[in-house]
Amino acid sequence: YTTLVCYALQALVDYFVAEYVIHVSIIKS
């Protein structure tokens, strides 16, 4: 479960960077 949480967090951080730094939506909210 710690591995699950950490991979999910890592993916979410990358999503927010794509969405709010690069301003590109590959996966919609």
All heavy atoms as atom14 arrays in JSON, in Angstrom:
{
  "sequence": "YTTLVCYALQALVDYFVAEYVIHVSIIKS",
  "atom14_mask": [
    [1, 1, 1, 1, 1, 1, 1, 1, 1, 1, 1, 1, 0, 0],
    [1, 1, 1, 1, 1, 1, 1, 0, 0, 0, 0, 0, 0, 0],
    [1, 1, 1, 1, 1, 1, 1, 0, 0, 0, 0, 0, 0, 0],
    [1, 1, 1, 1, 1, 1, 1, 1, 0, 0, 0, 0, 0, 0],
    [1, 1, 1, 1, 1, 1, 1, 0, 0, 0, 0, 0, 0, 0],
    [1, 1, 1, 1, 1, 1, 0, 0, 0, 0, 0, 0, 0, 0],
    [1, 1, 1, 1, 1, 1, 1, 1, 1, 1, 1, 1, 0, 0],
    [1, 1, 1, 1, 1, 0, 0, 0, 0, 0, 0, 0, 0, 0],
    [1, 1, 1, 1, 1, 1, 1, 1, 0, 0, 0, 0, 0, 0],
    [1, 1, 1, 1, 1, 1, 1, 1, 1, 0, 0, 0, 0, 0],
    [1, 1, 1, 1, 1, 0, 0, 0, 0, 0, 0, 0, 0, 0],
    [1, 1, 1, 1, 1, 1, 1, 1, 0, 0, 0, 0, 0, 0],
    [1, 1, 1, 1, 1, 1, 1, 0, 0, 0, 0, 0, 0, 0],
    [1, 1, 1, 1, 1, 1, 1, 1, 0, 0, 0, 0, 0, 0],
    [1, 1, 1, 1, 1, 1, 1, 1, 1, 1, 1, 1, 0, 0],
    [1, 1, 1, 1, 1, 1, 1, 1, 1, 1, 1, 0, 0, 0],
    [1, 1, 1, 1, 1, 1, 1, 0, 0, 0, 0, 0, 0, 0],
    [1, 1, 1, 1, 1, 0, 0, 0, 0, 0, 0, 0, 0, 0],
    [1, 1, 1, 1, 1, 1, 1, 1, 1, 0, 0, 0, 0, 0],
    [1, 1, 1, 1, 1, 1, 1, 1, 1, 1, 1, 1, 0, 0],
    [1, 1, 1, 1, 1, 1, 1, 0, 0, 0, 0, 0, 0, 0],
    [1, 1, 1, 1, 1, 1, 1, 1, 0, 0, 0, 0, 0, 0],
    [1, 1, 1, 1, 1, 1, 1, 1, 1, 1, 0, 0, 0, 0],
    [1, 1, 1, 1, 1, 1, 1, 0, 0, 0, 0, 0, 0, 0],
    [1, 1, 1, 1, 1, 1, 0, 0, 0, 0, 0, 0, 0, 0],
    [1, 1, 1, 1, 1, 1, 1, 1, 0, 0, 0, 0, 0, 0],
    [1, 1, 1, 1, 1, 1, 1, 1, 0, 0, 0, 0, 0, 0],
    [1, 1, 1, 1, 1, 1, 1, 1, 1, 0, 0, 0, 0, 0],
    [1, 1, 1, 1, 1, 1, 0, 0, 0, 0, 0, 0, 0, 0]
  ],
  "atom14_positions": [
    [[0.82, -1.22, 0.0], [0.0, 0.0, 0.0], [0.85, 1.27, 0.0], [0.45, 2.29, -0.57], [-0.96, -0.01, 1.19], [-2.15, -0.91, 0.93], [-2.16, -2.22, 1.38], [-3.25, -0.45, 0.21], [-3.23, -3.07, 1.12], [-4.33, -1.29, -0.06], [-4.32, -2.59, 0.4], [-5.38, -3.42, 0.12], [0.0, 0.0, 0.0], [0.0, 0.0, 0.0]],
    [[2.02, 1.22, 0.64], [2.9, 2.4, 0.57], [3.4, 2.6, -0.86], [3.52, 3.73, -1.34], [4.1, 2.27, 1.52], [4.88, 1.11, 1.18], [3.65, 2.16, 2.96], [0.0, 0.0, 0.0], [0.0, 0.0, 0.0], [0.0, 0.0, 0.0], [0.0, 0.0, 0.0], [0.0, 0.0, 0.0], [0.0, 0.0, 0.0], [0.0, 0.0, 0.0]],
    [[3.68, 1.49, -1.55], [4.1, 1.56, -2.95], [2.99, 2.13, -3.82], [3.22, 2.98, -4.7], [4.51, 0.17, -3.47], [5.66, -0.28, -2.74], [4.86, 0.2, -4.95], [0.0, 0.0, 0.0], [0.0, 0.0, 0.0], [0.0, 0.0, 0.0], [0.0, 0.0, 0.0], [0.0, 0.0, 0.0], [0.0, 0.0, 0.0], [0.0, 0.0, 0.0]],
    [[1.75, 1.68, -3.57], [0.59, 2.2, -4.3], [0.46, 3.71, -4.12], [0.31, 4.46, -5.09], [-0.67, 1.5, -3.8], [-2.01, 2.07, -4.28], [-2.2, 1.79, -5.77], [-3.17, 1.49, -3.48], [0.0, 0.0, 0.0], [0.0, 0.0, 0.0], [0.0, 0.0, 0.0], [0.0, 0.0, 0.0], [0.0, 0.0, 0.0], [0.0, 0.0, 0.0]],
    [[0.54, 4.16, -2.87], [0.4, 5.59, -2.56], [1.49, 6.4, -3.25], [1.22, 7.46, -3.84], [0.46, 5.82, -1.03], [0.61, 7.3, -0.71], [-0.8, 5.27, -0.37], [0.0, 0.0, 0.0], [0.0, 0.0, 0.0], [0.0, 0.0, 0.0], [0.0, 0.0, 0.0], [0.0, 0.0, 0.0], [0.0, 0.0, 0.0], [0.0, 0.0, 0.0]],
    [[2.72, 5.9, -3.22], [3.85, 6.66, -3.77], [3.81, 6.73, -5.29], [4.11, 7.78, -5.88], [5.16, 6.06, -3.29], [5.42, 6.29, -1.51], [0.0, 0.0, 0.0], [0.0, 0.0, 0.0], [0.0, 0.0, 0.0], [0.0, 0.0, 0.0], [0.0, 0.0, 0.0], [0.0, 0.0, 0.0], [0.0, 0.0, 0.0], [0.0, 0.0, 0.0]],
    [[3.43, 5.63, -5.95], [3.3, 5.68, -7.41], [2.14, 6.59, -7.82], [2.24, 7.32, -8.82], [3.08, 4.28, -7.98], [4.35, 3.49, -8.2], [4.46, 2.16, -7.77], [5.45, 4.06, -8.83], [5.63, 1.44, -7.96], [6.61, 3.35, -9.03], [6.7, 2.04, -8.59], [7.86, 1.32, -8.78], [0.0, 0.0, 0.0], [0.0, 0.0, 0.0]],
    [[1.05, 6.54, -7.06], [-0.09, 7.42, -7.36], [0.3, 8.88, -7.19], [-0.03, 9.73, -8.03], [-1.27, 7.07, -6.45], [0.0, 0.0, 0.0], [0.0, 0.0, 0.0], [0.0, 0.0, 0.0], [0.0, 0.0, 0.0], [0.0, 0.0, 0.0], [0.0, 0.0, 0.0], [0.0, 0.0, 0.0], [0.0, 0.0, 0.0], [0.0, 0.0, 0.0]],
    [[1.03, 9.17, -6.11], [1.49, 10.54, -5.87], [2.41, 11.01, -6.99], [2.28, 12.14, -7.49], [2.21, 10.61, -4.53], [2.84, 11.96, -4.17], [1.77, 13.02, -4.0], [3.69, 11.85, -2.9], [0.0, 0.0, 0.0], [0.0, 0.0, 0.0], [0.0, 0.0, 0.0], [0.0, 0.0, 0.0], [0.0, 0.0, 0.0], [0.0, 0.0, 0.0]],
    [[3.33, 10.16, -7.39], [4.28, 10.5, -8.45], [3.54, 10.81, -9.76], [3.84, 11.78, -10.45], [5.24, 9.34, -8.65], [6.46, 9.66, -9.49], [7.49, 8.55, -9.43], [7.34, 7.59, -8.67], [8.53, 8.65, -10.21], [0.0, 0.0, 0.0], [0.0, 0.0, 0.0], [0.0, 0.0, 0.0], [0.0, 0.0, 0.0], [0.0, 0.0, 0.0]],
    [[2.54, 9.98, -10.09], [1.76, 10.19, -11.31], [0.95, 11.48, -11.23], [0.87, 12.23, -12.21], [0.84, 8.99, -11.55], [0.0, 0.0, 0.0], [0.0, 0.0, 0.0], [0.0, 0.0, 0.0], [0.0, 0.0, 0.0], [0.0, 0.0, 0.0], [0.0, 0.0, 0.0], [0.0, 0.0, 0.0], [0.0, 0.0, 0.0], [0.0, 0.0, 0.0]],
    [[0.39, 11.77, -10.05], [-0.42, 12.97, -9.9], [0.43, 14.24, -10.0], [0.0, 15.24, -10.59], [-1.15, 12.94, -8.56], [-2.33, 11.97, -8.46], [-2.85, 11.9, -7.03], [-3.44, 12.37, -9.42], [0.0, 0.0, 0.0], [0.0, 0.0, 0.0], [0.0, 0.0, 0.0], [0.0, 0.0, 0.0], [0.0, 0.0, 0.0], [0.0, 0.0, 0.0]],
    [[1.63, 14.2, -9.42], [2.54, 15.36, -9.53], [2.87, 15.62, -11.0], [2.81, 16.77, -11.47], [3.83, 15.13, -8.72], [4.87, 16.2, -9.05], [3.53, 15.13, -7.23], [0.0, 0.0, 0.0], [0.0, 0.0, 0.0], [0.0, 0.0, 0.0], [0.0, 0.0, 0.0], [0.0, 0.0, 0.0], [0.0, 0.0, 0.0], [0.0, 0.0, 0.0]],
    [[3.19, 14.56, -11.75], [3.5, 14.71, -13.17], [2.29, 15.23, -13.94], [2.44, 16.03, -14.88], [3.97, 13.38, -13.76], [5.35, 12.97, -13.24], [6.09, 13.86, -12.82], [5.66, 11.77, -13.26], [0.0, 0.0, 0.0], [0.0, 0.0, 0.0], [0.0, 0.0, 0.0], [0.0, 0.0, 0.0], [0.0, 0.0, 0.0], [0.0, 0.0, 0.0]],
    [[1.1, 14.79, -13.55], [-0.13, 15.27, -14.19], [-0.29, 16.78, -13.98], [-0.57, 17.52, -14.92], [-1.35, 14.53, -13.63], [-2.66, 15.24, -13.93], [-3.25, 15.14, -15.2], [-3.29, 16.02, -12.96], [-4.44, 15.81, -15.48], [-4.48, 16.69, -13.24], [-5.05, 16.57, -14.5], [-6.22, 17.23, -14.78], [0.0, 0.0, 0.0], [0.0, 0.0, 0.0]],
    [[-0.1, 17.22, -12.74], [-0.27, 18.65, -12.44], [0.79, 19.5, -13.13], [0.51, 20.64, -13.53], [-0.26, 18.88, -10.93], [-1.56, 18.5, -10.26], [-1.6, 17.43, -9.38], [-2.72, 19.19, -10.54], [-2.8, 17.06, -8.78], [-3.93, 18.83, -9.95], [-3.97, 17.76, -9.06], [0.0, 0.0, 0.0], [0.0, 0.0, 0.0], [0.0, 0.0, 0.0]],
    [[1.99, 18.98, -13.27], [3.02, 19.71, -14.02], [2.61, 19.86, -15.48], [2.72, 20.94, -16.07], [4.39, 18.99, -13.91], [5.41, 19.64, -14.84], [4.9, 19.02, -12.48], [0.0, 0.0, 0.0], [0.0, 0.0, 0.0], [0.0, 0.0, 0.0], [0.0, 0.0, 0.0], [0.0, 0.0, 0.0], [0.0, 0.0, 0.0], [0.0, 0.0, 0.0]],
    [[2.13, 18.76, -16.07], [1.67, 18.81, -17.46], [0.52, 19.8, -17.62], [0.46, 20.57, -18.59], [1.25, 17.42, -17.92], [0.0, 0.0, 0.0], [0.0, 0.0, 0.0], [0.0, 0.0, 0.0], [0.0, 0.0, 0.0], [0.0, 0.0, 0.0], [0.0, 0.0, 0.0], [0.0, 0.0, 0.0], [0.0, 0.0, 0.0], [0.0, 0.0, 0.0]],
    [[-0.39, 19.78, -16.65], [-1.61, 20.59, -16.74], [-1.36, 22.07, -16.47], [-1.89, 22.94, -17.16], [-2.64, 20.04, -15.74], [-4.04, 20.59, -15.9], [-4.8, 19.97, -17.05], [-4.4, 18.89, -17.53], [-5.78, 20.59, -17.49], [0.0, 0.0, 0.0], [0.0, 0.0, 0.0], [0.0, 0.0, 0.0], [0.0, 0.0, 0.0], [0.0, 0.0, 0.0]],
    [[-0.53, 22.36, -15.45], [-0.42, 23.75, -14.98], [0.93, 24.41, -15.25], [1.05, 25.63, -15.1], [-0.72, 23.8, -13.48], [-2.13, 23.35, -13.16], [-2.37, 22.11, -12.58], [-3.23, 24.15, -13.5], [-3.67, 21.68, -12.3], [-4.53, 23.73, -13.24], [-4.74, 22.49, -12.64], [-6.03, 22.07, -12.39], [0.0, 0.0, 0.0], [0.0, 0.0, 0.0]],
    [[1.93, 23.64, -15.64], [3.22, 24.23, -16.02], [3.36, 24.26, -17.54], [3.69, 25.3, -18.13], [4.4, 23.45, -15.38], [5.73, 24.04, -15.86], [4.31, 23.51, -13.85], [0.0, 0.0, 0.0], [0.0, 0.0, 0.0], [0.0, 0.0, 0.0], [0.0, 0.0, 0.0], [0.0, 0.0, 0.0], [0.0, 0.0, 0.0], [0.0, 0.0, 0.0]],
    [[3.1, 23.11, -18.16], [3.19, 23.03, -19.63], [1.88, 23.43, -20.29], [1.85, 23.85, -21.45], [3.59, 21.6, -20.06], [4.9, 21.21, -19.38], [3.74, 21.49, -21.57], [5.31, 19.77, -19.64], [0.0, 0.0, 0.0], [0.0, 0.0, 0.0], [0.0, 0.0, 0.0], [0.0, 0.0, 0.0], [0.0, 0.0, 0.0], [0.0, 0.0, 0.0]],
    [[0.77, 23.32, -19.54], [-0.57, 23.64, -20.03], [-1.01, 22.74, -21.18], [-1.5, 23.2, -22.21], [-0.65, 25.13, -20.45], [-0.28, 26.08, -19.36], [-1.06, 26.27, -18.22], [0.81, 26.87, -19.2], [-0.48, 27.15, -17.43], [0.66, 27.52, -17.99], [0.0, 0.0, 0.0], [0.0, 0.0, 0.0], [0.0, 0.0, 0.0], [0.0, 0.0, 0.0]],
    [[-0.81, 21.45, -20.98], [-1.22, 20.45, -21.96], [-2.03, 19.38, -21.24], [-1.59, 18.85, -20.21], [-0.01, 19.79, -22.67], [-0.47, 18.65, -23.57], [0.74, 20.84, -23.48], [0.0, 0.0, 0.0], [0.0, 0.0, 0.0], [0.0, 0.0, 0.0], [0.0, 0.0, 0.0], [0.0, 0.0, 0.0], [0.0, 0.0, 0.0], [0.0, 0.0, 0.0]],
    [[-3.23, 19.07, -21.76], [-4.09, 18.05, -21.14], [-4.05, 16.78, -21.97], [-4.67, 16.7, -23.02], [-5.54, 18.57, -21.04], [-5.63, 19.66, -20.17], [0.0, 0.0, 0.0], [0.0, 0.0, 0.0], [0.0, 0.0, 0.0], [0.0, 0.0, 0.0], [0.0, 0.0, 0.0], [0.0, 0.0, 0.0], [0.0, 0.0, 0.0], [0.0, 0.0, 0.0]],
    [[-3.31, 15.8, -21.47], [-3.29, 14.48, -22.12], [-4.44, 13.63, -21.57], [-5.11, 12.92, -22.3], [-1.94, 13.77, -21.89], [-0.81, 14.63, -22.45], [-1.94, 12.38, -22.53], [-0.95, 14.95, -23.94], [0.0, 0.0, 0.0], [0.0, 0.0, 0.0], [0.0, 0.0, 0.0], [0.0, 0.0, 0.0], [0.0, 0.0, 0.0], [0.0, 0.0, 0.0]],
    [[-4.65, 13.72, -20.27], [-5.79, 13.09, -19.63], [-6.6, 14.19, -18.96], [-6.08, 14.95, -18.14], [-5.36, 12.04, -18.58], [-4.56, 10.93, -19.26], [-6.56, 11.46, -17.86], [-4.04, 9.87, -18.3], [0.0, 0.0, 0.0], [0.0, 0.0, 0.0], [0.0, 0.0, 0.0], [0.0, 0.0, 0.0], [0.0, 0.0, 0.0], [0.0, 0.0, 0.0]],
    [[-7.87, 14.3, -19.31], [-8.72, 15.34, -18.75], [-8.96, 15.07, -17.26], [-8.86, 13.94, -16.79], [-10.07, 15.39, -19.49], [-9.96, 15.41, -21.0], [-9.18, 16.61, -21.52], [-9.12, 16.6, -23.05], [-8.24, 17.66, -23.57], [0.0, 0.0, 0.0], [0.0, 0.0, 0.0], [0.0, 0.0, 0.0], [0.0, 0.0, 0.0], [0.0, 0.0, 0.0]],
    [[-9.33, 16.13, -16.54], [-9.5, 16.0, -15.09], [-10.59, 15.0, -14.72], [-10.44, 14.21, -13.79], [-9.82, 17.37, -14.47], [-10.98, 17.93, -15.07], [0.0, 0.0, 0.0], [0.0, 0.0, 0.0], [0.0, 0.0, 0.0], [0.0, 0.0, 0.0], [0.0, 0.0, 0.0], [0.0, 0.0, 0.0], [0.0, 0.0, 0.0], [0.0, 0.0, 0.0]]
  ]
}
